């Protein structure tokens, strides 16, 4: 089961009653969103690429991905094919999100070179 991959900037979309805005947030939702933004900002400050994964059934995951040091990633969406290539990891994230664990930090590493 594949999620919808969203850029982390969707956390910055405006809420309100004006046309084109998302529905207003309750005070509790606004506080939770501010906390989620703080976690996202911390991950970005530590050099991670951040995505939001939306799963069928309205569960979600805030995913921070730390690519190898020698890999330049300009946009976190560039990592989506790599994530889709690992369905086991995605399923594990989905199960964790369904259980209430919505934060995942992945550290990507290159496989060790083998000598022949």
PDB file of N, CA and C in Angstrom:
ATOM      1  N   UNK A   1       0.845  -1.165   0.000  1.00  0.00           N
ATOM      2  CA  UNK A   1       0.000   0.000   0.000  1.00  0.00           C
ATOM      3  C   UNK A   1       0.897   1.237   0.000  1.00  0.00           C
ATOM      4  N   UNK A   2       0.777   2.034  -1.033  1.00  0.00           N
ATOM      5  CA  UNK A   2       1.619   3.219  -1.148  1.00  0.00           C
ATOM      6  C   UNK A   2       0.904   4.452  -0.605  1.00  0.00           C
ATOM      7  N   UNK A   3       1.643   5.296   0.087  1.00  0.00           N
ATOM      8  CA  UNK A   3       1.060   6.547   0.575  1.00  0.00           C
ATOM      9  C   UNK A   3       1.137   7.626  -0.498  1.00  0.00           C
ATOM     10  N   UNK A   4       0.511   8.741  -0.209  1.00  0.00           N
ATOM     11  CA  UNK A   4       0.694   9.955  -1.001  1.00  0.00           C
ATOM     12  C   UNK A   4       1.856  10.697  -0.354  1.00  0.00           C
ATOM     13  N   UNK A   5       2.845  11.078  -1.148  1.00  0.00           N
ATOM     14  CA  UNK A   5       4.018  11.792  -0.645  1.00  0.00           C
ATOM     15  C   UNK A   5       3.794  13.290  -0.838  1.00  0.00           C
ATOM     16  N   UNK A   6       3.854  14.038   0.252  1.00  0.00           N
ATOM     17  CA  UNK A   6       3.649  15.485   0.195  1.00  0.00           C
ATOM     18  C   UNK A   6       4.899  16.216   0.673  1.00  0.00           C
ATOM     19  N   UNK A   7       5.177  17.382   0.097  1.00  0.00           N
ATOM     20  CA  UNK A   7       6.298  18.179   0.604  1.00  0.00           C
ATOM     21  C   UNK A   7       5.969  18.719   1.994  1.00  0.00           C
ATOM     22  N   UNK A   8       6.997  18.902   2.794  1.00  0.00           N
ATOM     23  CA  UNK A   8       6.789  19.385   4.166  1.00  0.00           C
ATOM     24  C   UNK A   8       6.169  20.781   4.206  1.00  0.00           C
ATOM     25  N   UNK A   9       6.282  21.529   3.125  1.00  0.00           N
ATOM     26  CA  UNK A   9       5.746  22.892   3.088  1.00  0.00           C
ATOM     27  C   UNK A   9       4.224  22.918   3.223  1.00  0.00           C
ATOM     28  N   UNK A  10       3.566  21.777   3.039  1.00  0.00           N
ATOM     29  CA  UNK A  10       2.102  21.778   3.200  1.00  0.00           C
ATOM     30  C   UNK A  10       1.710  22.090   4.643  1.00  0.00           C
ATOM     31  N   UNK A  11       2.653  21.949   5.582  1.00  0.00           N
ATOM     32  CA  UNK A  11       2.366  22.337   6.968  1.00  0.00           C
ATOM     33  C   UNK A  11       2.221  23.851   7.118  1.00  0.00           C
ATOM     34  N   UNK A  12       2.656  24.591   6.101  1.00  0.00           N
ATOM     35  CA  UNK A  12       2.612  26.048   6.156  1.00  0.00           C
ATOM     36  C   UNK A  12       1.410  26.643   5.422  1.00  0.00           C
ATOM     37  N   UNK A  13       0.535  25.795   4.887  1.00  0.00           N
ATOM     38  CA  UNK A  13      -0.639  26.304   4.180  1.00  0.00           C
ATOM     39  C   UNK A  13      -1.547  27.048   5.152  1.00  0.00           C
ATOM     40  N   UNK A  14      -2.132  28.157   4.705  1.00  0.00           N
ATOM     41  CA  UNK A  14      -2.965  28.949   5.618  1.00  0.00           C
ATOM     42  C   UNK A  14      -4.313  28.289   5.901  1.00  0.00           C
ATOM     43  N   UNK A  15      -4.780  28.488   7.107  1.00  0.00           N
ATOM     44  CA  UNK A  15      -6.105  28.031   7.530  1.00  0.00           C
ATOM     45  C   UNK A  15      -6.943  29.255   7.841  1.00  0.00           C
ATOM     46  N   UNK A  16      -8.209  29.192   7.527  1.00  0.00           N
ATOM     47  CA  UNK A  16      -9.102  30.308   7.825  1.00  0.00           C
ATOM     48  C   UNK A  16     -10.398  30.166   7.064  1.00  0.00           C
ATOM     49  N   UNK A  17     -11.116  31.255   6.965  1.00  0.00           N
ATOM     50  CA  UNK A  17     -12.416  31.237   6.300  1.00  0.00           C
ATOM     51  C   UNK A  17     -12.388  31.869   4.915  1.00  0.00           C
ATOM     52  N   UNK A  18     -11.244  32.332   4.474  1.00  0.00           N
ATOM     53  CA  UNK A  18     -11.145  32.976   3.163  1.00  0.00           C
ATOM     54  C   UNK A  18     -11.164  31.915   2.060  1.00  0.00           C
ATOM     55  N   UNK A  19     -11.637  32.296   0.863  1.00  0.00           N
ATOM     56  CA  UNK A  19     -11.622  31.348  -0.258  1.00  0.00           C
ATOM     57  C   UNK A  19     -10.194  30.856  -0.528  1.00  0.00           C
ATOM     58  N   UNK A  20     -10.062  29.574  -0.776  1.00  0.00           N
ATOM     59  CA  UNK A  20      -8.758  28.996  -1.069  1.00  0.00           C
ATOM     60  C   UNK A  20      -7.976  28.565   0.151  1.00  0.00           C
ATOM     61  N   UNK A  21      -8.479  28.846   1.327  1.00  0.00           N
ATOM     62  CA  UNK A  21      -7.791  28.435   2.548  1.00  0.00           C
ATOM     63  C   UNK A  21      -8.368  27.116   3.052  1.00  0.00           C
ATOM     64  N   UNK A  22      -7.555  26.404   3.818  1.00  0.00           N
ATOM     65  CA  UNK A  22      -8.019  25.182   4.457  1.00  0.00           C
ATOM     66  C   UNK A  22      -8.972  25.546   5.589  1.00  0.00           C
ATOM     67  N   UNK A  23      -9.748  24.575   6.038  1.00  0.00           N
ATOM     68  CA  UNK A  23     -10.686  24.827   7.137  1.00  0.00           C
ATOM     69  C   UNK A  23      -9.949  25.326   8.369  1.00  0.00           C
ATOM     70  N   UNK A  24     -10.599  26.185   9.160  1.00  0.00           N
ATOM     71  CA  UNK A  24      -9.959  26.681  10.385  1.00  0.00           C
ATOM     72  C   UNK A  24      -9.622  25.531  11.337  1.00  0.00           C
ATOM     73  N   UNK A  25      -8.563  25.724  12.104  1.00  0.00           N
ATOM     74  CA  UNK A  25      -8.129  24.729  13.082  1.00  0.00           C
ATOM     75  C   UNK A  25      -8.701  25.050  14.452  1.00  0.00           C
ATOM     76  N   UNK A  26      -8.977  24.007  15.217  1.00  0.00           N
ATOM     77  CA  UNK A  26      -9.343  24.203  16.618  1.00  0.00           C
ATOM     78  C   UNK A  26      -8.072  24.581  17.369  1.00  0.00           C
ATOM     79  N   UNK A  27      -8.174  25.141  18.557  1.00  0.00           N
ATOM     80  CA  UNK A  27      -6.964  25.457  19.325  1.00  0.00           C
ATOM     81  C   UNK A  27      -6.068  24.228  19.538  1.00  0.00           C
ATOM     82  N   UNK A  28      -6.668  23.086  19.782  1.00  0.00           N
ATOM     83  CA  UNK A  28      -5.877  21.854  19.980  1.00  0.00           C
ATOM     84  C   UNK A  28      -5.138  21.469  18.695  1.00  0.00           C
ATOM     85  N   UNK A  29      -5.840  21.563  17.548  1.00  0.00           N
ATOM     86  CA  UNK A  29      -5.217  21.250  16.264  1.00  0.00           C
ATOM     87  C   UNK A  29      -4.106  22.242  15.938  1.00  0.00           C
ATOM     88  N   UNK A  30      -4.326  23.513  16.245  1.00  0.00           N
ATOM     89  CA  UNK A  30      -3.307  24.535  15.990  1.00  0.00           C
ATOM     90  C   UNK A  30      -2.054  24.266  16.820  1.00  0.00           C
ATOM     91  N   UNK A  31      -2.241  23.849  18.068  1.00  0.00           N
ATOM     92  CA  UNK A  31      -1.093  23.535  18.926  1.00  0.00           C
ATOM     93  C   UNK A  31      -0.339  22.322  18.383  1.00  0.00           C
ATOM     94  N   UNK A  32      -1.072  21.288  17.973  1.00  0.00           N
ATOM     95  CA  UNK A  32      -0.435  20.089  17.420  1.00  0.00           C
ATOM     96  C   UNK A  32       0.316  20.418  16.133  1.00  0.00           C
ATOM     97  N   UNK A  33      -0.262  21.277  15.305  1.00  0.00           N
ATOM     98  CA  UNK A  33       0.396  21.670  14.062  1.00  0.00           C
ATOM     99  C   UNK A  33       1.679  22.449  14.349  1.00  0.00           C
ATOM    100  N   UNK A  34       1.644  23.322  15.338  1.00  0.00           N
ATOM    101  CA  UNK A  34       2.844  24.076  15.712  1.00  0.00           C
ATOM    102  C   UNK A  34       3.936  23.134  16.207  1.00  0.00           C
ATOM    103  N   UNK A  35       3.560  22.125  16.970  1.00  0.00           N
ATOM    104  CA  UNK A  35       4.540  21.145  17.448  1.00  0.00           C
ATOM    105  C   UNK A  35       5.121  20.353  16.279  1.00  0.00           C
ATOM    106  N   UNK A  36       4.272  19.995  15.328  1.00  0.00           N
ATOM    107  CA  UNK A  36       4.733  19.259  14.154  1.00  0.00           C
ATOM    108  C   UNK A  36       5.682  20.113  13.324  1.00  0.00           C
ATOM    109  N   UNK A  37       5.370  21.388  13.170  1.00  0.00           N
ATOM    110  CA  UNK A  37       6.280  22.296  12.458  1.00  0.00           C
ATOM    111  C   UNK A  37       7.627  22.384  13.165  1.00  0.00           C
ATOM    112  N   UNK A  38       7.605  22.436  14.488  1.00  0.00           N
ATOM    113  CA  UNK A  38       8.861  22.514  15.249  1.00  0.00           C
ATOM    114  C   UNK A  38       9.704  21.268  15.012  1.00  0.00           C
ATOM    115  N   UNK A  39       9.076  20.099  14.992  1.00  0.00           N
ATOM    116  CA  UNK A  39       9.811  18.859  14.706  1.00  0.00           C
ATOM    117  C   UNK A  39      10.370  18.876  13.289  1.00  0.00           C
ATOM    118  N   UNK A  40       9.560  19.337  12.346  1.00  0.00           N
ATOM    119  CA  UNK A  40      10.013  19.440  10.965  1.00  0.00           C
ATOM    120  C   UNK A  40      11.204  20.385  10.857  1.00  0.00           C
ATOM    121  N   UNK A  41      11.104  21.538  11.508  1.00  0.00           N
ATOM    122  CA  UNK A  41      12.178  22.528  11.447  1.00  0.00           C
ATOM    123  C   UNK A  41      13.462  21.988  12.067  1.00  0.00           C
ATOM    124  N   UNK A  42      13.333  21.231  13.138  1.00  0.00           N
ATOM    125  CA  UNK A  42      14.516  20.633  13.771  1.00  0.00           C
ATOM    126  C   UNK A  42      15.173  19.623  12.836  1.00  0.00           C
ATOM    127  N   UNK A  43      14.363  18.795  12.184  1.00  0.00           N
ATOM    128  CA  UNK A  43      14.905  17.812  11.243  1.00  0.00           C
ATOM    129  C   UNK A  43      15.602  18.510  10.082  1.00  0.00           C
ATOM    130  N   UNK A  44      14.996  19.560   9.557  1.00  0.00           N
ATOM    131  CA  UNK A  44      15.620  20.309   8.463  1.00  0.00           C
ATOM    132  C   UNK A  44      16.935  20.937   8.913  1.00  0.00           C
ATOM    133  N   UNK A  45      16.961  21.476  10.124  1.00  0.00           N
ATOM    134  CA  UNK A  45      18.181  22.096  10.652  1.00  0.00           C
ATOM    135  C   UNK A  45      19.300  21.078  10.825  1.00  0.00           C
ATOM    136  N   UNK A  46      18.929  19.823  11.055  1.00  0.00           N
ATOM    137  CA  UNK A  46      19.934  18.769  11.220  1.00  0.00           C
ATOM    138  C   UNK A  46      20.334  18.138   9.889  1.00  0.00           C
ATOM    139  N   UNK A  47      19.841  18.696   8.774  1.00  0.00           N
ATOM    140  CA  UNK A  47      20.259  18.245   7.455  1.00  0.00           C
ATOM    141  C   UNK A  47      19.398  17.171   6.824  1.00  0.00           C
ATOM    142  N   UNK A  48      18.279  16.854   7.416  1.00  0.00           N
ATOM    143  CA  UNK A  48      17.404  15.825   6.855  1.00  0.00           C
ATOM    144  C   UNK A  48      16.485  16.423   5.791  1.00  0.00           C
ATOM    145  N   UNK A  49      16.049  15.574   4.898  1.00  0.00           N
ATOM    146  CA  UNK A  49      14.996  15.912   3.952  1.00  0.00           C
ATOM    147  C   UNK A  49      13.688  15.441   4.581  1.00  0.00           C
ATOM    148  N   UNK A  50      12.624  16.224   4.485  1.00  0.00           N
ATOM    149  CA  UNK A  50      11.389  15.900   5.195  1.00  0.00           C
ATOM    150  C   UNK A  50      10.219  15.778   4.220  1.00  0.00           C
ATOM    151  N   UNK A  51       9.444  14.725   4.420  1.00  0.00           N
ATOM    152  CA  UNK A  51       8.227  14.477   3.657  1.00  0.00           C
ATOM    153  C   UNK A  51       7.091  14.146   4.616  1.00  0.00           C
ATOM    154  N   UNK A  52       5.884  14.367   4.156  1.00  0.00           N
ATOM    155  CA  UNK A  52       4.708  13.905   4.885  1.00  0.00           C
ATOM    156  C   UNK A  52       4.073  12.821   4.034  1.00  0.00           C
ATOM    157  N   UNK A  53       3.831  11.681   4.641  1.00  0.00           N
ATOM    158  CA  UNK A  53       3.208  10.560   3.956  1.00  0.00           C
ATOM    159  C   UNK A  53       1.777  10.432   4.456  1.00  0.00           C
ATOM    160  N   UNK A  54       0.826  10.444   3.524  1.00  0.00           N
ATOM    161  CA  UNK A  54      -0.584  10.248   3.868  1.00  0.00           C
ATOM    162  C   UNK A  54      -0.988   8.855   3.418  1.00  0.00           C
ATOM    163  N   UNK A  55      -1.460   8.065   4.371  1.00  0.00           N
ATOM    164  CA  UNK A  55      -1.848   6.683   4.101  1.00  0.00           C
ATOM    165  C   UNK A  55      -3.354   6.605   3.911  1.00  0.00           C
ATOM    166  N   UNK A  56      -3.836   5.615   3.150  1.00  0.00           N
ATOM    167  CA  UNK A  56      -5.282   5.394   3.082  1.00  0.00           C
ATOM    168  C   UNK A  56      -5.824   5.186   4.499  1.00  0.00           C
ATOM    169  N   UNK A  57      -6.963   5.753   4.774  1.00  0.00           N
ATOM    170  CA  UNK A  57      -7.529   5.648   6.115  1.00  0.00           C
ATOM    171  C   UNK A  57      -7.160   6.828   6.989  1.00  0.00           C
ATOM    172  N   UNK A  58      -6.535   7.858   6.409  1.00  0.00           N
ATOM    173  CA  UNK A  58      -6.236   9.114   7.097  1.00  0.00           C
ATOM    174  C   UNK A  58      -5.141   9.020   8.147  1.00  0.00           C
ATOM    175  N   UNK A  59      -4.287   8.012   8.100  1.00  0.00           N
ATOM    176  CA  UNK A  59      -3.115   8.025   8.971  1.00  0.00           C
ATOM    177  C   UNK A  59      -1.998   8.745   8.230  1.00  0.00           C
ATOM    178  N   UNK A  60      -1.002   9.197   8.968  1.00  0.00           N
ATOM    179  CA  UNK A  60       0.064   9.985   8.360  1.00  0.00           C
ATOM    180  C   UNK A  60       1.385   9.701   9.059  1.00  0.00           C
ATOM    181  N   UNK A  61       2.464  10.057   8.372  1.00  0.00           N
ATOM    182  CA  UNK A  61       3.815   9.930   8.908  1.00  0.00           C
ATOM    183  C   UNK A  61       4.598  11.176   8.534  1.00  0.00           C
ATOM    184  N   UNK A  62       5.315  11.737   9.495  1.00  0.00           N
ATOM    185  CA  UNK A  62       6.292  12.782   9.211  1.00  0.00           C
ATOM    186  C   UNK A  62       7.619  12.055   9.076  1.00  0.00           C
ATOM    187  N   UNK A  63       8.156  12.032   7.863  1.00  0.00           N
ATOM    188  CA  UNK A  63       9.357  11.261   7.560  1.00  0.00           C
ATOM    189  C   UNK A  63      10.541  12.188   7.334  1.00  0.00           C
ATOM    190  N   UNK A  64      11.581  12.008   8.131  1.00  0.00           N
ATOM    191  CA  UNK A  64      12.847  12.718   7.939  1.00  0.00           C
ATOM    192  C   UNK A  64      13.836  11.711   7.364  1.00  0.00           C
ATOM    193  N   UNK A  65      14.466  12.062   6.265  1.00  0.00           N
ATOM    194  CA  UNK A  65      15.409  11.168   5.599  1.00  0.00           C
ATOM    195  C   UNK A  65      16.760  11.852   5.553  1.00  0.00           C
ATOM    196  N   UNK A  66      17.749  11.177   6.087  1.00  0.00           N
ATOM    197  CA  UNK A  66      19.119  11.683   6.065  1.00  0.00           C
ATOM    198  C   UNK A  66      19.881  10.900   4.996  1.00  0.00           C
ATOM    199  N   UNK A  67      20.122  11.526   3.829  1.00  0.00           N
ATOM    200  CA  UNK A  67      20.834  10.817   2.764  1.00  0.00           C
ATOM    201  C   UNK A  67      22.320  10.688   3.092  1.00  0.00           C
ATOM    202  N   UNK A  68      23.028   9.801   2.370  1.00  0.00           N
ATOM    203  CA  UNK A  68      24.470   9.703   2.581  1.00  0.00           C
ATOM    204  C   UNK A  68      25.144  11.060   2.354  1.00  0.00           C
ATOM    205  N   UNK A  69      26.253  11.272   3.025  1.00  0.00           N
ATOM    206  CA  UNK A  69      26.944  12.569   2.977  1.00  0.00           C
ATOM    207  C   UNK A  69      27.349  12.969   1.559  1.00  0.00           C
ATOM    208  N   UNK A  70      27.651  11.988   0.714  1.00  0.00           N
ATOM    209  CA  UNK A  70      28.120  12.307  -0.632  1.00  0.00           C
ATOM    210  C   UNK A  70      26.980  12.440  -1.647  1.00  0.00           C
ATOM    211  N   UNK A  71      25.748  12.435  -1.187  1.00  0.00           N
ATOM    212  CA  UNK A  71      24.598  12.554  -2.083  1.00  0.00           C
ATOM    213  C   UNK A  71      23.949  13.922  -1.884  1.00  0.00           C
ATOM    214  N   UNK A  72      23.844  14.666  -2.968  1.00  0.00           N
ATOM    215  CA  UNK A  72      23.203  15.980  -2.910  1.00  0.00           C
ATOM    216  C   UNK A  72      21.734  15.823  -3.283  1.00  0.00           C
ATOM    217  N   UNK A  73      20.858  16.189  -2.373  1.00  0.00           N
ATOM    218  CA  UNK A  73      19.416  16.134  -2.614  1.00  0.00           C
ATOM    219  C   UNK A  73      18.884  17.556  -2.500  1.00  0.00           C
ATOM    220  N   UNK A  74      18.332  18.057  -3.597  1.00  0.00           N
ATOM    221  CA  UNK A  74      17.800  19.423  -3.597  1.00  0.00           C
ATOM    222  C   UNK A  74      16.363  19.476  -3.100  1.00  0.00           C
ATOM    223  N   UNK A  75      15.619  18.408  -3.325  1.00  0.00           N
ATOM    224  CA  UNK A  75      14.202  18.365  -2.958  1.00  0.00           C
ATOM    225  C   UNK A  75      13.897  16.976  -2.414  1.00  0.00           C
ATOM    226  N   UNK A  76      13.227  16.918  -1.290  1.00  0.00           N
ATOM    227  CA  UNK A  76      12.918  15.630  -0.657  1.00  0.00           C
ATOM    228  C   UNK A  76      12.130  14.716  -1.587  1.00  0.00           C
ATOM    229  N   UNK A  77      11.347  15.279  -2.505  1.00  0.00           N
ATOM    230  CA  UNK A  77      10.568  14.445  -3.417  1.00  0.00           C
ATOM    231  C   UNK A  77      11.458  13.614  -4.336  1.00  0.00           C
ATOM    232  N   UNK A  78      12.734  13.990  -4.476  1.00  0.00           N
ATOM    233  CA  UNK A  78      13.679  13.187  -5.254  1.00  0.00           C
ATOM    234  C   UNK A  78      13.883  11.805  -4.624  1.00  0.00           C
ATOM    235  N   UNK A  79      13.602  11.686  -3.340  1.00  0.00           N
ATOM    236  CA  UNK A  79      13.812  10.428  -2.626  1.00  0.00           C
ATOM    237  C   UNK A  79      12.644   9.459  -2.766  1.00  0.00           C
ATOM    238  N   UNK A  80      11.528   9.905  -3.320  1.00  0.00           N
ATOM    239  CA  UNK A  80      10.335   9.061  -3.403  1.00  0.00           C
ATOM    240  C   UNK A  80      10.598   7.746  -4.135  1.00  0.00           C
ATOM    241  N   UNK A  81      11.274   7.730  -5.302  1.00  0.00           N
ATOM    242  CA  UNK A  81      11.521   6.436  -5.951  1.00  0.00           C
ATOM    243  C   UNK A  81      12.309   5.462  -5.061  1.00  0.00           C
ATOM    244  N   UNK A  82      13.273   5.974  -4.309  1.00  0.00           N
ATOM    245  CA  UNK A  82      14.035   5.106  -3.400  1.00  0.00           C
ATOM    246  C   UNK A  82      13.123   4.534  -2.321  1.00  0.00           C
ATOM    247  N   UNK A  83      12.221   5.356  -1.807  1.00  0.00           N
ATOM    248  CA  UNK A  83      11.294   4.890  -0.778  1.00  0.00           C
ATOM    249  C   UNK A  83      10.324   3.865  -1.351  1.00  0.00           C
ATOM    250  N   UNK A  84       9.835   4.106  -2.556  1.00  0.00           N
ATOM    251  CA  UNK A  84       8.907   3.167  -3.183  1.00  0.00           C
ATOM    252  C   UNK A  84       9.582   1.839  -3.500  1.00  0.00           C
ATOM    253  N   UNK A  85      10.891   1.862  -3.668  1.00  0.00           N
ATOM    254  CA  UNK A  85      11.631   0.630  -3.953  1.00  0.00           C
ATOM    255  C   UNK A  85      11.790  -0.244  -2.714  1.00  0.00           C
ATOM    256  N   UNK A  86      11.354   0.246  -1.569  1.00  0.00           N
ATOM    257  CA  UNK A  86      11.469  -0.522  -0.325  1.00  0.00           C
ATOM    258  C   UNK A  86      10.084  -0.665   0.320  1.00  0.00           C
ATOM    259  N   UNK A  87       9.241  -1.545  -0.258  1.00  0.00           N
ATOM    260  CA  UNK A  87       7.876  -1.676   0.262  1.00  0.00           C
ATOM    261  C   UNK A  87       7.818  -2.179   1.704  1.00  0.00           C
ATOM    262  N   UNK A  88       8.831  -2.939   2.125  1.00  0.00           N
ATOM    263  CA  UNK A  88       8.835  -3.429   3.511  1.00  0.00           C
ATOM    264  C   UNK A  88       8.956  -2.268   4.491  1.00  0.00           C
ATOM    265  N   UNK A  89       9.836  -1.325   4.188  1.00  0.00           N
ATOM    266  CA  UNK A  89      10.008  -0.164   5.068  1.00  0.00           C
ATOM    267  C   UNK A  89       8.745   0.691   5.075  1.00  0.00           C
ATOM    268  N   UNK A  90       8.125   0.858   3.906  1.00  0.00           N
ATOM    269  CA  UNK A  90       6.891   1.637   3.842  1.00  0.00           C
ATOM    270  C   UNK A  90       5.787   0.969   4.655  1.00  0.00           C
ATOM    271  N   UNK A  91       5.677  -0.344   4.555  1.00  0.00           N
ATOM    272  CA  UNK A  91       4.651  -1.052   5.323  1.00  0.00           C
ATOM    273  C   UNK A  91       4.902  -0.914   6.822  1.00  0.00           C
ATOM    274  N   UNK A  92       6.167  -0.959   7.205  1.00  0.00           N
ATOM    275  CA  UNK A  92       6.511  -0.779   8.619  1.00  0.00           C
ATOM    276  C   UNK A  92       6.110   0.625   9.095  1.00  0.00           C
ATOM    277  N   UNK A  93       6.363   1.637   8.265  1.00  0.00           N
ATOM    278  CA  UNK A  93       5.960   3.006   8.609  1.00  0.00           C
ATOM    279  C   UNK A  93       4.443   3.106   8.735  1.00  0.00           C
ATOM    280  N   UNK A  94       3.737   2.442   7.815  1.00  0.00           N
ATOM    281  CA  UNK A  94       2.275   2.467   7.853  1.00  0.00           C
ATOM    282  C   UNK A  94       1.756   1.826   9.133  1.00  0.00           C
ATOM    283  N   UNK A  95       2.316   0.695   9.506  1.00  0.00           N
ATOM    284  CA  UNK A  95       1.897   0.021  10.736  1.00  0.00           C
ATOM    285  C   UNK A  95       2.176   0.893  11.957  1.00  0.00           C
ATOM    286  N   UNK A  96       3.338   1.530  11.975  1.00  0.00           N
ATOM    287  CA  UNK A  96       3.673   2.409  13.102  1.00  0.00           C
ATOM    288  C   UNK A  96       2.710   3.589  13.176  1.00  0.00           C
ATOM    289  N   UNK A  97       2.379   4.168  12.014  1.00  0.00           N
ATOM    290  CA  UNK A  97       1.446   5.299  11.995  1.00  0.00           C
ATOM    291  C   UNK A  97       0.066   4.868  12.489  1.00  0.00           C
ATOM    292  N   UNK A  98      -0.373   3.686  12.077  1.00  0.00           N
ATOM    293  CA  UNK A  98      -1.677   3.181  12.519  1.00  0.00           C
ATOM    294  C   UNK A  98      -1.698   2.959  14.028  1.00  0.00           C
ATOM    295  N   UNK A  99      -0.521   2.683  14.606  1.00  0.00           N
ATOM    296  CA  UNK A  99      -0.415   2.473  16.058  1.00  0.00           C
ATOM    297  C   UNK A  99      -0.182   3.787  16.811  1.00  0.00           C
ATOM    298  N   UNK A 100      -0.129   4.917  16.085  1.00  0.00           N
ATOM    299  CA  UNK A 100       0.033   6.215  16.737  1.00  0.00           C
ATOM    300  C   UNK A 100       1.439   6.767  16.733  1.00  0.00           C
ATOM    301  N   UNK A 101       2.392   6.054  16.134  1.00  0.00           N
ATOM    302  CA  UNK A 101       3.782   6.514  16.054  1.00  0.00           C
ATOM    303  C   UNK A 101       3.976   7.161  14.685  1.00  0.00           C
ATOM    304  N   UNK A 102       3.870   8.482  14.627  1.00  0.00           N
ATOM    305  CA  UNK A 102       3.824   9.192  13.354  1.00  0.00           C
ATOM    306  C   UNK A 102       5.159   9.789  12.910  1.00  0.00           C
ATOM    307  N   UNK A 103       6.201   9.622  13.689  1.00  0.00           N
ATOM    308  CA  UNK A 103       7.486  10.236  13.353  1.00  0.00           C
ATOM    309  C   UNK A 103       8.510   9.163  13.022  1.00  0.00           C
ATOM    310  N   UNK A 104       9.158   9.307  11.864  1.00  0.00           N
ATOM    311  CA  UNK A 104      10.168   8.338  11.429  1.00  0.00           C
ATOM    312  C   UNK A 104      11.385   9.104  10.937  1.00  0.00           C
ATOM    313  N   UNK A 105      12.568   8.653  11.353  1.00  0.00           N
ATOM    314  CA  UNK A 105      13.829   9.226  10.882  1.00  0.00           C
ATOM    315  C   UNK A 105      14.621   8.096  10.235  1.00  0.00           C
ATOM    316  N   UNK A 106      14.892   8.224   8.944  1.00  0.00           N
ATOM    317  CA  UNK A 106      15.675   7.222   8.220  1.00  0.00           C
ATOM    318  C   UNK A 106      17.052   7.781   7.913  1.00  0.00           C
ATOM    319  N   UNK A 107      18.058   6.960   8.092  1.00  0.00           N
ATOM    320  CA  UNK A 107      19.419   7.308   7.703  1.00  0.00           C
ATOM    321  C   UNK A 107      19.784   6.371   6.557  1.00  0.00           C
ATOM    322  N   UNK A 108      19.940   6.937   5.369  1.00  0.00           N
ATOM    323  CA  UNK A 108      20.287   6.126   4.204  1.00  0.00           C
ATOM    324  C   UNK A 108      21.796   5.969   4.116  1.00  0.00           C
ATOM    325  N   UNK A 109      22.222   4.760   3.832  1.00  0.00           N
ATOM    326  CA  UNK A 109      23.644   4.471   3.683  1.00  0.00           C
ATOM    327  C   UNK A 109      23.855   3.665   2.420  1.00  0.00           C
ATOM    328  N   UNK A 110      25.007   3.856   1.839  1.00  0.00           N
ATOM    329  CA  UNK A 110      25.372   3.043   0.679  1.00  0.00           C
ATOM    330  C   UNK A 110      25.811   1.670   1.179  1.00  0.00           C
ATOM    331  N   UNK A 111      25.507   0.635   0.409  1.00  0.00           N
ATOM    332  CA  UNK A 111      25.992  -0.683   0.825  1.00  0.00           C
ATOM    333  C   UNK A 111      27.519  -0.714   0.784  1.00  0.00           C
ATOM    334  N   UNK A 112      28.100  -1.470   1.681  1.00  0.00           N
ATOM    335  CA  UNK A 112      29.559  -1.599   1.715  1.00  0.00           C
ATOM    336  C   UNK A 112      30.035  -2.282   0.440  1.00  0.00           C
ATOM    337  N   UNK A 113      31.144  -1.808  -0.074  1.00  0.00           N
ATOM    338  CA  UNK A 113      31.715  -2.408  -1.280  1.00  0.00           C
ATOM    339  C   UNK A 113      32.238  -3.798  -0.947  1.00  0.00           C
ATOM    340  N   UNK A 114      31.993  -4.716  -1.856  1.00  0.00           N
ATOM    341  CA  UNK A 114      32.490  -6.080  -1.649  1.00  0.00           C
ATOM    342  C   UNK A 114      33.728  -6.297  -2.498  1.00  0.00           C
ATOM    343  N   UNK A 115      34.659  -7.012  -1.953  1.00  0.00           N
ATOM    344  CA  UNK A 115      35.885  -7.339  -2.679  1.00  0.00           C
ATOM    345  C   UNK A 115      35.743  -8.724  -3.296  1.00  0.00           C
ATOM    346  N   UNK A 116      36.195  -8.854  -4.527  1.00  0.00           N
ATOM    347  CA  UNK A 116      36.134 -10.153  -5.210  1.00  0.00           C
ATOM    348  C   UNK A 116      37.515 -10.697  -5.403  1.00  0.00           C
TER     349      UNK A 116
END
